[in-house]
Amino acid sequence: MAFSGRRWSIVQELVKGDRSPTQLAAVLRLSLQGVYHHLKQMESEGLVHRAETSHDGSTRPFTVYTLAGGFCQVTEALPGEARQYTLTATELVKVHLRIWSIPQQEYHYYLEALWWELQPFIERIEGIVLYGSVARGDARQGSDIDILLLTADKGLEKRFGARLVGPKETAKLVSSQFFTTEDFSLSLRAGSQFARSVMSEAIIVYDPRGVFAGMRRDTAGKAGERVPRGSGADASGRRGAV
């Protein structure tokens, strides 16, 4: 079912975190009865889930609604085809959706090809973001595809540091930066221009534990802090071999 304006408003609140019907009604300025109606309908479609919670354990539990892992509603309008359907937001679905959000569609193929090349090593990777001109949507002919990976596996940099992806005639160079999660987080806290630039324009491609999402929130809400010595990151925030 397509989202009405009110259903979409509810979804936009739930992506921020779990909410009770009372909270949703207050924030969205809707009647409590109307909010309940939409939530019940969305629950029957498997789009939201109910959970019991309390603030500190001393108050009586109350009901909140959550998106859980999330979902994707797809509308297709193609010659001879018109359909709508809903997909559960698995990690694979999330990756493809994020790649498809890249403004210049001609780069989608190369990012998806790289994604599949990384599959044998994906358990060793904590996160992948796209940054630079392709992320901004202003890449020119011959522009590299810049990505940053969080991993503690030193061997991945040798294998994927600079890599041609795609058929020989149309291959694109993927240039990758490698950090451990701790080092990149410390670089952000130190106010590294490189790290902050990456996060300001990044399209998060793979983030199964929400590491990059958390860093983005922290970057928006905190000023730079001093980095402890011996962190492994230089003054620019760039790192050598991981």
C-alpha atoms as a PDB file:
ATOM      1  CA  MET A   1       0.000   0.000   0.000  1.00  0.00           C
ATOM      2  CA  ALA A   2       1.304   3.446  -0.887  1.00  0.00           C
ATOM      3  CA  PHE A   3       2.045   5.789   1.997  1.00  0.00           C
ATOM      4  CA  SER A   4      -0.313   8.617   2.734  1.00  0.00           C
ATOM      5  CA  GLY A   5       1.099  11.852   4.072  1.00  0.00           C
ATOM      6  CA  ARG A   6       0.306  10.850   7.655  1.00  0.00           C
ATOM      7  CA  ARG A   7       1.716   7.348   7.369  1.00  0.00           C
ATOM      8  CA  TRP A   8       4.895   8.797   5.905  1.00  0.00           C
ATOM      9  CA  SER A   9       5.120  11.323   8.755  1.00  0.00           C
ATOM     10  CA  ILE A  10       4.909   8.455  11.236  1.00  0.00           C
ATOM     11  CA  VAL A  11       7.673   6.573   9.417  1.00  0.00           C
ATOM     12  CA  GLN A  12       9.874   9.687   9.436  1.00  0.00           C
ATOM     13  CA  GLU A  13       9.545   9.836  13.228  1.00  0.00           C
ATOM     14  CA  LEU A  14      10.131   6.119  13.749  1.00  0.00           C
ATOM     15  CA  VAL A  15      13.420   6.165  11.828  1.00  0.00           C
ATOM     16  CA  LYS A  16      14.715   8.409  14.640  1.00  0.00           C
ATOM     17  CA  GLY A  17      13.875   5.790  17.271  1.00  0.00           C
ATOM     18  CA  ASP A  18      11.045   3.954  19.001  1.00  0.00           C
ATOM     19  CA  ARG A  19       7.983   6.089  19.737  1.00  0.00           C
ATOM     20  CA  SER A  20       4.764   5.619  21.689  1.00  0.00           C
ATOM     21  CA  PRO A  21       1.434   6.531  20.062  1.00  0.00           C
ATOM     22  CA  THR A  22       1.145   9.446  22.498  1.00  0.00           C
ATOM     23  CA  GLN A  23       4.565  10.776  21.495  1.00  0.00           C
ATOM     24  CA  LEU A  24       3.735  10.473  17.803  1.00  0.00           C
ATOM     25  CA  ALA A  25       0.403  12.229  18.244  1.00  0.00           C
ATOM     26  CA  ALA A  26       2.050  15.114  20.107  1.00  0.00           C
ATOM     27  CA  VAL A  27       4.937  15.610  17.672  1.00  0.00           C
ATOM     28  CA  LEU A  28       2.837  15.239  14.520  1.00  0.00           C
ATOM     29  CA  ARG A  29      -0.162  17.116  15.939  1.00  0.00           C
ATOM     30  CA  LEU A  30      -2.522  14.302  15.056  1.00  0.00           C
ATOM     31  CA  SER A  31      -5.325  12.765  17.070  1.00  0.00           C
ATOM     32  CA  LEU A  32      -4.323   9.791  19.193  1.00  0.00           C
ATOM     33  CA  GLN A  33      -7.110   7.772  17.602  1.00  0.00           C
ATOM     34  CA  GLY A  34      -5.794   8.565  14.121  1.00  0.00           C
ATOM     35  CA  VAL A  35      -2.236   7.580  15.074  1.00  0.00           C
ATOM     36  CA  TYR A  36      -3.469   4.278  16.534  1.00  0.00           C
ATOM     37  CA  HIS A  37      -5.387   3.577  13.323  1.00  0.00           C
ATOM     38  CA  HIS A  38      -2.322   4.076  11.124  1.00  0.00           C
ATOM     39  CA  LEU A  39      -0.037   2.098  13.451  1.00  0.00           C
ATOM     40  CA  LYS A  40      -2.443  -0.853  13.604  1.00  0.00           C
ATOM     41  CA  GLN A  41      -2.705  -0.869   9.828  1.00  0.00           C
ATOM     42  CA  MET A  42       1.070  -0.709   9.395  1.00  0.00           C
ATOM     43  CA  GLU A  43       1.540  -3.443  12.000  1.00  0.00           C
ATOM     44  CA  SER A  44      -0.837  -5.737  10.103  1.00  0.00           C
ATOM     45  CA  GLU A  45       1.308  -5.182   6.995  1.00  0.00           C
ATOM     46  CA  GLY A  46       4.474  -6.100   8.915  1.00  0.00           C
ATOM     47  CA  LEU A  47       5.962  -2.611   8.587  1.00  0.00           C
ATOM     48  CA  VAL A  48       6.136  -1.755  12.301  1.00  0.00           C
ATOM     49  CA  HIS A  49       6.303  -3.790  15.498  1.00  0.00           C
ATOM     50  CA  ARG A  50       5.088  -3.245  19.045  1.00  0.00           C
ATOM     51  CA  ALA A  51       7.277  -3.507  22.124  1.00  0.00           C
ATOM     52  CA  GLU A  52       6.752  -2.946  25.853  1.00  0.00           C
ATOM     53  CA  THR A  53       9.145  -0.600  27.604  1.00  0.00           C
ATOM     54  CA  SER A  54       9.557   1.767  30.551  1.00  0.00           C
ATOM     55  CA  HIS A  55      11.960   4.628  31.176  1.00  0.00           C
ATOM     56  CA  ASP A  56      13.664   3.386  34.345  1.00  0.00           C
ATOM     57  CA  GLY A  57      11.953   0.173  35.355  1.00  0.00           C
ATOM     58  CA  SER A  58      10.015   1.931  38.115  1.00  0.00           C
ATOM     59  CA  THR A  59       7.121   3.041  35.942  1.00  0.00           C
ATOM     60  CA  ARG A  60       4.491   0.864  34.424  1.00  0.00           C
ATOM     61  CA  PRO A  61       5.536  -0.523  31.013  1.00  0.00           C
ATOM     62  CA  PHE A  62       3.974   1.195  28.030  1.00  0.00           C
ATOM     63  CA  THR A  63       3.748   0.396  24.336  1.00  0.00           C
ATOM     64  CA  VAL A  64       6.154   1.791  21.770  1.00  0.00           C
ATOM     65  CA  TYR A  65       6.365   1.117  18.063  1.00  0.00           C
ATOM     66  CA  THR A  66       9.533   0.389  16.144  1.00  0.00           C
ATOM     67  CA  LEU A  67      10.600  -0.107  12.549  1.00  0.00           C
ATOM     68  CA  ALA A  68      12.850  -2.946  13.725  1.00  0.00           C
ATOM     69  CA  GLY A  69      15.195  -3.635  10.793  1.00  0.00           C
ATOM     70  CA  GLY A  70      13.274  -1.379   8.444  1.00  0.00           C
ATOM     71  CA  PHE A  71      11.706  -1.942   5.058  1.00  0.00           C
ATOM     72  CA  CYS A  72      11.721  -0.666   1.498  1.00  0.00           C
ATOM     73  CA  GLN A  73       8.572   0.031  -0.480  1.00  0.00           C
ATOM     74  CA  VAL A  74       9.146  -0.201  -4.225  1.00  0.00           C
ATOM     75  CA  THR A  75       7.003   1.298  -6.964  1.00  0.00           C
ATOM     76  CA  GLU A  76       7.713   0.153 -10.525  1.00  0.00           C
ATOM     77  CA  ALA A  77       6.297   1.909 -13.580  1.00  0.00           C
ATOM     78  CA  LEU A  78       7.868   0.325 -16.655  1.00  0.00           C
ATOM     79  CA  PRO A  79       6.540  -0.307 -20.159  1.00  0.00           C
ATOM     80  CA  GLY A  80       4.061  -3.131 -19.697  1.00  0.00           C
ATOM     81  CA  GLU A  81       4.697  -3.353 -15.940  1.00  0.00           C
ATOM     82  CA  ALA A  82       3.239  -1.508 -12.973  1.00  0.00           C
ATOM     83  CA  ARG A  83       3.504  -2.876  -9.455  1.00  0.00           C
ATOM     84  CA  GLN A  84       4.207  -2.042  -5.832  1.00  0.00           C
ATOM     85  CA  TYR A  85       5.795  -4.301  -3.260  1.00  0.00           C
ATOM     86  CA  THR A  86       7.610  -4.180   0.053  1.00  0.00           C
ATOM     87  CA  LEU A  87      11.051  -5.612   0.824  1.00  0.00           C
ATOM     88  CA  THR A  88      12.492  -6.314   4.252  1.00  0.00           C
ATOM     89  CA  ALA A  89      15.599  -4.179   4.693  1.00  0.00           C
ATOM     90  CA  THR A  90      18.253  -6.888   4.855  1.00  0.00           C
ATOM     91  CA  GLU A  91      21.883  -5.774   4.712  1.00  0.00           C
ATOM     92  CA  LEU A  92      21.980  -6.730   1.033  1.00  0.00           C
ATOM     93  CA  VAL A  93      18.886  -4.650   0.262  1.00  0.00           C
ATOM     94  CA  LYS A  94      20.348  -1.697   2.180  1.00  0.00           C
ATOM     95  CA  VAL A  95      23.606  -1.873   0.223  1.00  0.00           C
ATOM     96  CA  HIS A  96      21.838  -1.866  -3.139  1.00  0.00           C
ATOM     97  CA  LEU A  97      19.509   0.969  -2.127  1.00  0.00           C
ATOM     98  CA  ARG A  98      22.440   3.082  -0.986  1.00  0.00           C
ATOM     99  CA  ILE A  99      24.345   2.419  -4.195  1.00  0.00           C
ATOM    100  CA  TRP A 100      21.256   3.310  -6.235  1.00  0.00           C
ATOM    101  CA  SER A 101      21.043   6.608  -4.340  1.00  0.00           C
ATOM    102  CA  ILE A 102      24.332   7.725  -5.919  1.00  0.00           C
ATOM    103  CA  PRO A 103      23.397  10.687  -8.155  1.00  0.00           C
ATOM    104  CA  GLN A 104      25.336   9.625 -11.267  1.00  0.00           C
ATOM    105  CA  GLN A 105      23.800   6.310 -12.268  1.00  0.00           C
ATOM    106  CA  GLU A 106      26.704   5.311 -14.503  1.00  0.00           C
ATOM    107  CA  TYR A 107      28.696   4.550 -11.327  1.00  0.00           C
ATOM    108  CA  HIS A 108      26.151   2.124  -9.877  1.00  0.00           C
ATOM    109  CA  TYR A 109      27.552  -0.806 -11.862  1.00  0.00           C
ATOM    110  CA  TYR A 110      31.100  -0.266 -10.590  1.00  0.00           C
ATOM    111  CA  LEU A 111      30.098   0.004  -6.937  1.00  0.00           C
ATOM    112  CA  GLU A 112      27.962  -3.112  -7.182  1.00  0.00           C
ATOM    113  CA  ALA A 113      30.802  -4.984  -8.916  1.00  0.00           C
ATOM    114  CA  LEU A 114      33.188  -3.940  -6.130  1.00  0.00           C
ATOM    115  CA  TRP A 115      30.648  -5.006  -3.516  1.00  0.00           C
ATOM    116  CA  TRP A 116      30.566  -8.536  -4.915  1.00  0.00           C
ATOM    117  CA  GLU A 117      34.370  -8.655  -5.124  1.00  0.00           C
ATOM    118  CA  LEU A 118      34.489  -7.825  -1.413  1.00  0.00           C
ATOM    119  CA  GLN A 119      32.062 -10.589  -0.422  1.00  0.00           C
ATOM    120  CA  PRO A 120      34.663 -13.247   0.462  1.00  0.00           C
ATOM    121  CA  PHE A 121      36.093 -10.769   3.001  1.00  0.00           C
ATOM    122  CA  ILE A 122      32.927  -9.029   4.179  1.00  0.00           C
ATOM    123  CA  GLU A 123      33.055 -10.511   7.696  1.00  0.00           C
ATOM    124  CA  ARG A 124      36.344  -8.663   8.198  1.00  0.00           C
ATOM    125  CA  ILE A 125      34.881  -5.291   7.169  1.00  0.00           C
ATOM    126  CA  GLU A 126      32.963  -3.135   9.658  1.00  0.00           C
ATOM    127  CA  GLY A 127      31.884  -0.434   7.245  1.00  0.00           C
ATOM    128  CA  ILE A 128      32.196   1.051   3.766  1.00  0.00           C
ATOM    129  CA  VAL A 129      31.468   4.622   2.693  1.00  0.00           C
ATOM    130  CA  LEU A 130      31.688   6.360  -0.652  1.00  0.00           C
ATOM    131  CA  TYR A 131      33.041   9.909  -0.641  1.00  0.00           C
ATOM    132  CA  GLY A 132      34.546  12.399  -3.080  1.00  0.00           C
ATOM    133  CA  SER A 133      33.202  13.504  -6.454  1.00  0.00           C
ATOM    134  CA  VAL A 134      31.096  10.384  -7.087  1.00  0.00           C
ATOM    135  CA  ALA A 135      29.338  10.775  -3.728  1.00  0.00           C
ATOM    136  CA  ARG A 136      28.738  14.471  -4.423  1.00  0.00           C
ATOM    137  CA  GLY A 137      27.421  13.782  -7.915  1.00  0.00           C
ATOM    138  CA  ASP A 138      29.984  15.941  -9.743  1.00  0.00           C
ATOM    139  CA  ALA A 139      32.405  13.268 -11.015  1.00  0.00           C
ATOM    140  CA  ARG A 140      33.945  13.883 -14.441  1.00  0.00           C
ATOM    141  CA  GLN A 141      35.165  11.523 -17.120  1.00  0.00           C
ATOM    142  CA  GLY A 142      38.082   9.600 -15.651  1.00  0.00           C
ATOM    143  CA  SER A 143      37.319  10.447 -12.009  1.00  0.00           C
ATOM    144  CA  ASP A 144      38.378   7.851  -9.461  1.00  0.00           C
ATOM    145  CA  ILE A 145      35.786   6.249  -7.202  1.00  0.00           C
ATOM    146  CA  ASP A 146      36.844   7.039  -3.626  1.00  0.00           C
ATOM    147  CA  ILE A 147      35.816   4.708  -0.823  1.00  0.00           C
ATOM    148  CA  LEU A 148      36.827   4.268   2.798  1.00  0.00           C
ATOM    149  CA  LEU A 149      36.736   0.912   4.571  1.00  0.00           C
ATOM    150  CA  LEU A 150      36.854   0.155   8.274  1.00  0.00           C
ATOM    151  CA  THR A 151      38.797  -3.043   8.879  1.00  0.00           C
ATOM    152  CA  ALA A 152      41.546  -4.471  11.037  1.00  0.00           C
ATOM    153  CA  ASP A 153      42.664  -6.811   8.238  1.00  0.00           C
ATOM    154  CA  LYS A 154      46.008  -5.523   6.956  1.00  0.00           C
ATOM    155  CA  GLY A 155      45.882  -7.744   3.884  1.00  0.00           C
ATOM    156  CA  LEU A 156      42.825  -6.048   2.401  1.00  0.00           C
ATOM    157  CA  GLU A 157      44.707  -2.822   1.645  1.00  0.00           C
ATOM    158  CA  LYS A 158      47.187  -4.700  -0.547  1.00  0.00           C
ATOM    159  CA  ARG A 159      44.362  -6.402  -2.406  1.00  0.00           C
ATOM    160  CA  PHE A 160      41.916  -3.498  -2.736  1.00  0.00           C
ATOM    161  CA  GLY A 161      43.923  -0.292  -2.169  1.00  0.00           C
ATOM    162  CA  ALA A 162      43.794   0.739  -5.850  1.00  0.00           C
ATOM    163  CA  ARG A 163      41.759  -1.507  -8.101  1.00  0.00           C
ATOM    164  CA  LEU A 164      40.337  -1.370 -11.612  1.00  0.00           C
ATOM    165  CA  VAL A 165      36.736  -2.535 -11.620  1.00  0.00           C
ATOM    166  CA  GLY A 166      34.668  -3.489 -14.647  1.00  0.00           C
ATOM    167  CA  PRO A 167      35.426  -4.535 -18.242  1.00  0.00           C
ATOM    168  CA  LYS A 168      38.866  -3.509 -19.525  1.00  0.00           C
ATOM    169  CA  GLU A 169      37.472  -1.022 -22.056  1.00  0.00           C
ATOM    170  CA  THR A 170      35.344   0.858 -19.518  1.00  0.00           C
ATOM    171  CA  ALA A 171      37.036   0.040 -16.192  1.00  0.00           C
ATOM    172  CA  LYS A 172      37.028   2.599 -13.381  1.00  0.00           C
ATOM    173  CA  LEU A 173      39.753   3.012 -10.776  1.00  0.00           C
ATOM    174  CA  VAL A 174      38.528   2.507  -7.224  1.00  0.00           C
ATOM    175  CA  SER A 175      40.854   4.238  -4.768  1.00  0.00           C
ATOM    176  CA  SER A 176      40.395   3.038  -1.188  1.00  0.00           C
ATOM    177  CA  GLN A 177      41.473   4.364   2.198  1.00  0.00           C
ATOM    178  CA  PHE A 178      41.725   1.871   5.061  1.00  0.00           C
ATOM    179  CA  PHE A 179      41.311   2.573   8.778  1.00  0.00           C
ATOM    180  CA  THR A 180      40.573   0.576  11.863  1.00  0.00           C
ATOM    181  CA  THR A 181      37.321   1.724  13.435  1.00  0.00           C
ATOM    182  CA  GLU A 182      39.201   3.071  16.448  1.00  0.00           C
ATOM    183  CA  ASP A 183      41.676   5.101  14.381  1.00  0.00           C
ATOM    184  CA  PHE A 184      39.028   6.697  12.190  1.00  0.00           C
ATOM    185  CA  SER A 185      36.915   7.545  15.231  1.00  0.00           C
ATOM    186  CA  LEU A 186      39.934   9.144  16.901  1.00  0.00           C
ATOM    187  CA  SER A 187      40.676  11.140  13.751  1.00  0.00           C
ATOM    188  CA  LEU A 188      37.136  12.501  13.776  1.00  0.00           C
ATOM    189  CA  ARG A 189      37.391  13.447  17.425  1.00  0.00           C
ATOM    190  CA  ALA A 190      40.689  15.214  16.713  1.00  0.00           C
ATOM    191  CA  GLY A 191      39.017  17.362  14.085  1.00  0.00           C
ATOM    192  CA  SER A 192      40.902  15.783  11.171  1.00  0.00           C
ATOM    193  CA  GLN A 193      39.970  17.722   8.036  1.00  0.00           C
ATOM    194  CA  PHE A 194      40.131  14.565   5.933  1.00  0.00           C
ATOM    195  CA  ALA A 195      37.942  12.502   8.270  1.00  0.00           C
ATOM    196  CA  ARG A 196      35.366  15.251   8.675  1.00  0.00           C
ATOM    197  CA  SER A 197      35.300  15.905   4.931  1.00  0.00           C
ATOM    198  CA  VAL A 198      34.644  12.215   4.319  1.00  0.00           C
ATOM    199  CA  MET A 199      31.744  12.136   6.765  1.00  0.00           C
ATOM    200  CA  SER A 200      30.242  15.386   5.517  1.00  0.00           C
ATOM    201  CA  GLU A 201      29.767  14.059   1.986  1.00  0.00           C
ATOM    202  CA  ALA A 202      29.723  10.306   2.576  1.00  0.00           C
ATOM    203  CA  ILE A 203      27.149   7.923   1.209  1.00  0.00           C
ATOM    204  CA  ILE A 204      27.141   5.041   3.665  1.00  0.00           C
ATOM    205  CA  VAL A 205      27.207   1.835   1.618  1.00  0.00           C
ATOM    206  CA  TYR A 206      27.679  -0.847   4.268  1.00  0.00           C
ATOM    207  CA  ASP A 207      27.209  -0.282   7.988  1.00  0.00           C
ATOM    208  CA  PRO A 208      25.791  -3.433   9.630  1.00  0.00           C
ATOM    209  CA  ARG A 209      26.442  -2.273  13.208  1.00  0.00           C
ATOM    210  CA  GLY A 210      25.655   1.394  12.691  1.00  0.00           C
ATOM    211  CA  VAL A 211      29.274   2.474  13.234  1.00  0.00           C
ATOM    212  CA  PHE A 212      29.318   5.145  10.522  1.00  0.00           C
ATOM    213  CA  ALA A 213      25.814   6.298  11.415  1.00  0.00           C
ATOM    214  CA  GLY A 214      26.960   6.833  15.003  1.00  0.00           C
ATOM    215  CA  MET A 215      30.059   8.701  13.868  1.00  0.00           C
ATOM    216  CA  ARG A 216      27.940  10.963  11.693  1.00  0.00           C
ATOM    217  CA  ARG A 217      25.707  11.833  14.647  1.00  0.00           C
ATOM    218  CA  ASP A 218      28.721  12.480  16.861  1.00  0.00           C
ATOM    219  CA  THR A 219      30.374  14.632  14.195  1.00  0.00           C
ATOM    220  CA  ALA A 220      27.278  16.778  13.952  1.00  0.00           C
ATOM    221  CA  GLY A 221      27.023  17.203  17.713  1.00  0.00           C
ATOM    222  CA  LYS A 222      30.578  17.484  18.987  1.00  0.00           C
ATOM    223  CA  ALA A 223      33.576  19.743  18.561  1.00  0.00           C
ATOM    224  CA  GLY A 224      36.978  18.187  17.944  1.00  0.00           C
ATOM    225  CA  GLU A 225      38.819  16.586  20.836  1.00  0.00           C
ATOM    226  CA  ARG A 226      42.497  15.837  21.258  1.00  0.00           C
ATOM    227  CA  VAL A 227      43.632  12.448  19.996  1.00  0.00           C
ATOM    228  CA  PRO A 228      45.656  10.293  22.410  1.00  0.00           C
ATOM    229  CA  ARG A 229      49.240   9.830  21.281  1.00  0.00           C
ATOM    230  CA  GLY A 230      50.040   6.553  19.583  1.00  0.00           C
ATOM    231  CA  SER A 231      46.646   6.272  17.916  1.00  0.00           C
ATOM    232  CA  GLY A 232      48.172   5.294  14.579  1.00  0.00           C
ATOM    233  CA  ALA A 233      46.648   8.205  12.666  1.00  0.00           C
ATOM    234  CA  ASP A 234      48.752  11.104  11.430  1.00  0.00           C
ATOM    235  CA  ALA A 235      47.819  14.781  11.662  1.00  0.00           C
ATOM    236  CA  SER A 236      45.721  14.645   8.514  1.00  0.00           C
ATOM    237  CA  GLY A 237      43.759  11.685   9.808  1.00  0.00           C
ATOM    238  CA  ARG A 238      45.115   9.435   7.062  1.00  0.00           C
ATOM    239  CA  ARG A 239      46.634   6.155   8.037  1.00  0.00           C
ATOM    240  CA  GLY A 240      49.334   3.934   6.686  1.00  0.00           C
ATOM    241  CA  ALA A 241      48.990   0.194   6.392  1.00  0.00           C
ATOM    242  CA  VAL A 242      46.302  -1.133   8.686  1.00  0.00           C
END
